[in-house]
Amino acid sequence: MAFVFNPDEIKNQRIGRTISIVLHVVLLLILFLSFLPYQVPPPGQSGVLVSFGEPNQGRNDQRAAPAPVVEEEE
């Protein structure tokens, strides 16, 4: 079964192919260019160092004091 295309269909197919190729090239360029400015290794983040817990706990042979027991009131 042979398909016969009229000139309008052939023109529309060419336009569709051209738009598809241009769109794919632009998308690939956007994806490629998004990775170019990436620094290896990435720069450190600035901020405030926060320590959760006691800094001396776990060092040497010192033991941490036990947590106080709080009695519940009825």
N, C-alpha and C. Protein backbone atom coordinates (compact mmCIF):
# COMPACT_ATOMS: atom_id res chain seq x y z
N MET A 1 0.85 -1.17 0.00
CA MET A 1 0.00 0.00 0.00
C MET A 1 0.89 1.23 0.00
N ALA A 2 0.80 2.00 -1.01
CA ALA A 2 1.63 3.18 -1.14
C ALA A 2 0.83 4.40 -0.70
N PHE A 3 1.52 5.28 0.04
CA PHE A 3 0.87 6.51 0.47
C PHE A 3 1.27 7.63 -0.47
N VAL A 4 0.31 8.40 -0.85
CA VAL A 4 0.58 9.53 -1.72
C VAL A 4 0.28 10.79 -0.93
N PHE A 5 1.30 11.63 -0.81
CA PHE A 5 1.14 12.87 -0.07
C PHE A 5 0.97 14.02 -1.05
N ASN A 6 0.09 14.90 -0.71
CA ASN A 6 -0.04 16.08 -1.56
C ASN A 6 1.01 17.11 -1.13
N PRO A 7 1.25 18.13 -1.89
CA PRO A 7 2.32 19.10 -1.59
C PRO A 7 2.14 19.81 -0.25
N ASP A 8 0.91 20.02 0.19
CA ASP A 8 0.69 20.67 1.49
C ASP A 8 1.17 19.77 2.64
N GLU A 9 0.92 18.46 2.52
CA GLU A 9 1.36 17.54 3.56
C GLU A 9 2.89 17.45 3.61
N ILE A 10 3.51 17.45 2.47
CA ILE A 10 4.98 17.41 2.42
C ILE A 10 5.56 18.68 3.04
N LYS A 11 4.96 19.82 2.73
CA LYS A 11 5.42 21.09 3.31
C LYS A 11 5.25 21.08 4.82
N ASN A 12 4.12 20.59 5.31
CA ASN A 12 3.87 20.53 6.75
C ASN A 12 4.84 19.56 7.45
N GLN A 13 5.18 18.46 6.79
CA GLN A 13 6.15 17.52 7.38
C GLN A 13 7.53 18.16 7.49
N ARG A 14 7.94 18.91 6.50
CA ARG A 14 9.24 19.59 6.54
C ARG A 14 9.27 20.64 7.66
N ILE A 15 8.19 21.38 7.77
CA ILE A 15 8.11 22.39 8.83
C ILE A 15 8.13 21.71 10.20
N GLY A 16 7.41 20.61 10.34
CA GLY A 16 7.39 19.87 11.60
C GLY A 16 8.75 19.32 11.97
N ARG A 17 9.46 18.76 10.99
CA ARG A 17 10.81 18.24 11.24
C ARG A 17 11.76 19.37 11.65
N THR A 18 11.67 20.48 10.96
CA THR A 18 12.56 21.61 11.26
C THR A 18 12.31 22.13 12.66
N ILE A 19 11.06 22.31 13.02
CA ILE A 19 10.73 22.80 14.37
C ILE A 19 11.18 21.79 15.41
N SER A 20 10.99 20.50 15.15
CA SER A 20 11.39 19.47 16.10
C SER A 20 12.91 19.46 16.30
N ILE A 21 13.66 19.56 15.22
CA ILE A 21 15.12 19.56 15.33
C ILE A 21 15.60 20.79 16.07
N VAL A 22 15.06 21.95 15.75
CA VAL A 22 15.47 23.19 16.43
C VAL A 22 15.13 23.11 17.91
N LEU A 23 13.96 22.63 18.25
CA LEU A 23 13.54 22.52 19.64
C LEU A 23 14.45 21.56 20.41
N HIS A 24 14.79 20.43 19.82
CA HIS A 24 15.66 19.46 20.50
C HIS A 24 17.07 20.02 20.67
N VAL A 25 17.58 20.72 19.68
CA VAL A 25 18.91 21.32 19.81
C VAL A 25 18.91 22.36 20.92
N VAL A 26 17.88 23.19 20.99
CA VAL A 26 17.80 24.20 22.05
C VAL A 26 17.72 23.54 23.42
N LEU A 27 16.92 22.50 23.57
CA LEU A 27 16.81 21.80 24.85
C LEU A 27 18.13 21.16 25.25
N LEU A 28 18.84 20.55 24.31
CA LEU A 28 20.14 19.96 24.61
C LEU A 28 21.16 21.02 25.01
N LEU A 29 21.13 22.17 24.35
CA LEU A 29 22.04 23.26 24.72
C LEU A 29 21.74 23.77 26.12
N ILE A 30 20.47 23.89 26.45
CA ILE A 30 20.11 24.35 27.80
C ILE A 30 20.60 23.35 28.84
N LEU A 31 20.40 22.07 28.59
CA LEU A 31 20.87 21.05 29.53
C LEU A 31 22.39 21.03 29.62
N PHE A 32 23.07 21.17 28.51
CA PHE A 32 24.53 21.16 28.50
C PHE A 32 25.11 22.39 29.19
N LEU A 33 24.54 23.55 28.91
CA LEU A 33 25.06 24.79 29.49
C LEU A 33 24.77 24.91 30.98
N SER A 34 23.79 24.18 31.48
CA SER A 34 23.49 24.26 32.91
C SER A 34 24.58 23.60 33.74
N PHE A 35 25.38 22.71 33.15
CA PHE A 35 26.44 22.02 33.90
C PHE A 35 27.79 22.71 33.76
N LEU A 36 27.94 23.68 32.89
CA LEU A 36 29.23 24.32 32.69
C LEU A 36 29.73 25.12 33.89
N PRO A 37 28.90 25.93 34.56
CA PRO A 37 29.44 26.73 35.67
C PRO A 37 29.63 25.95 36.97
N TYR A 38 29.41 24.65 36.97
CA TYR A 38 29.53 23.84 38.18
C TYR A 38 30.99 23.77 38.60
N GLN A 39 31.27 24.13 39.86
CA GLN A 39 32.63 24.12 40.38
C GLN A 39 32.89 22.82 41.10
N VAL A 40 34.05 22.23 40.83
CA VAL A 40 34.43 21.00 41.51
C VAL A 40 35.65 21.29 42.34
N PRO A 41 35.68 21.12 43.61
CA PRO A 41 34.54 20.87 44.48
C PRO A 41 33.72 22.15 44.66
N PRO A 42 32.45 22.00 45.01
CA PRO A 42 31.61 23.19 45.19
C PRO A 42 32.10 24.02 46.37
N PRO A 43 31.91 25.33 46.32
CA PRO A 43 32.37 26.17 47.42
C PRO A 43 31.61 25.85 48.70
N GLY A 44 32.28 26.05 49.83
CA GLY A 44 31.65 25.78 51.12
C GLY A 44 30.53 26.76 51.41
N GLN A 45 29.64 26.34 52.24
CA GLN A 45 28.52 27.20 52.59
C GLN A 45 28.89 28.04 53.80
N SER A 46 28.55 29.30 53.72
CA SER A 46 28.82 30.15 54.87
C SER A 46 27.64 30.03 55.84
N GLY A 47 27.95 30.25 57.11
CA GLY A 47 26.89 30.15 58.10
C GLY A 47 27.50 30.07 59.49
N VAL A 48 26.68 29.74 60.46
CA VAL A 48 27.10 29.65 61.84
C VAL A 48 27.17 28.18 62.23
N LEU A 49 28.28 27.78 62.84
CA LEU A 49 28.43 26.42 63.30
C LEU A 49 27.65 26.25 64.60
N VAL A 50 26.75 25.29 64.63
CA VAL A 50 25.93 25.05 65.80
C VAL A 50 26.25 23.66 66.33
N SER A 51 26.51 23.58 67.63
CA SER A 51 26.80 22.31 68.25
C SER A 51 25.59 21.87 69.07
N PHE A 52 25.04 20.72 68.73
CA PHE A 52 23.92 20.17 69.46
C PHE A 52 24.48 19.16 70.47
N GLY A 53 24.37 19.47 71.73
CA GLY A 53 24.88 18.57 72.76
C GLY A 53 26.11 19.16 73.41
N GLU A 54 26.73 18.37 74.25
CA GLU A 54 27.89 18.83 74.99
C GLU A 54 29.15 18.52 74.17
N PRO A 55 30.00 19.49 73.96
CA PRO A 55 31.18 19.23 73.13
C PRO A 55 32.19 18.31 73.80
N ASN A 56 32.22 18.25 75.13
CA ASN A 56 33.19 17.41 75.82
C ASN A 56 32.71 15.97 75.98
N GLN A 57 31.46 15.71 75.72
CA GLN A 57 30.94 14.36 75.88
C GLN A 57 31.54 13.46 74.81
N GLY A 58 32.02 12.31 75.25
CA GLY A 58 32.61 11.37 74.30
C GLY A 58 34.11 11.50 74.18
N ARG A 59 34.72 12.44 74.84
CA ARG A 59 36.16 12.61 74.79
C ARG A 59 36.78 12.09 76.08
N ASN A 60 37.97 11.57 75.98
CA ASN A 60 38.76 11.09 77.12
C ASN A 60 37.95 10.09 77.94
N ASP A 61 38.23 10.03 79.26
CA ASP A 61 37.54 9.09 80.13
C ASP A 61 36.50 9.78 80.99
N GLN A 62 36.20 11.01 80.73
CA GLN A 62 35.23 11.72 81.54
C GLN A 62 33.82 11.22 81.21
N ARG A 63 33.03 11.09 82.26
CA ARG A 63 31.65 10.67 82.05
C ARG A 63 30.74 11.88 82.21
N ALA A 64 29.73 11.92 81.40
CA ALA A 64 28.77 13.01 81.50
C ALA A 64 27.88 12.78 82.72
N ALA A 65 27.45 13.86 83.33
CA ALA A 65 26.56 13.76 84.48
C ALA A 65 25.22 13.20 84.03
N PRO A 66 24.59 12.38 84.86
CA PRO A 66 23.28 11.84 84.46
C PRO A 66 22.24 12.96 84.38
N ALA A 67 21.29 12.75 83.53
CA ALA A 67 20.23 13.74 83.35
C ALA A 67 19.37 13.77 84.63
N PRO A 68 18.92 14.96 85.04
CA PRO A 68 18.09 15.05 86.23
C PRO A 68 16.73 14.39 86.00
N VAL A 69 16.23 13.75 87.02
CA VAL A 69 14.93 13.08 86.94
C VAL A 69 13.86 14.07 87.35
N VAL A 70 12.88 14.26 86.52
CA VAL A 70 11.80 15.20 86.80
C VAL A 70 10.57 14.38 87.18
N GLU A 71 10.02 14.65 88.35
CA GLU A 71 8.84 13.93 88.81
C GLU A 71 7.60 14.63 88.28
N GLU A 72 6.67 13.83 87.82
CA GLU A 72 5.44 14.39 87.28
C GLU A 72 4.47 14.71 88.41
N GLU A 73 3.81 15.85 88.33
CA GLU A 73 2.82 16.23 89.33
C GLU A 73 1.45 15.78 88.87
N GLU A 74 0.64 15.31 89.83
CA GLU A 74 -0.70 14.83 89.46
C GLU A 74 -1.73 15.88 89.70
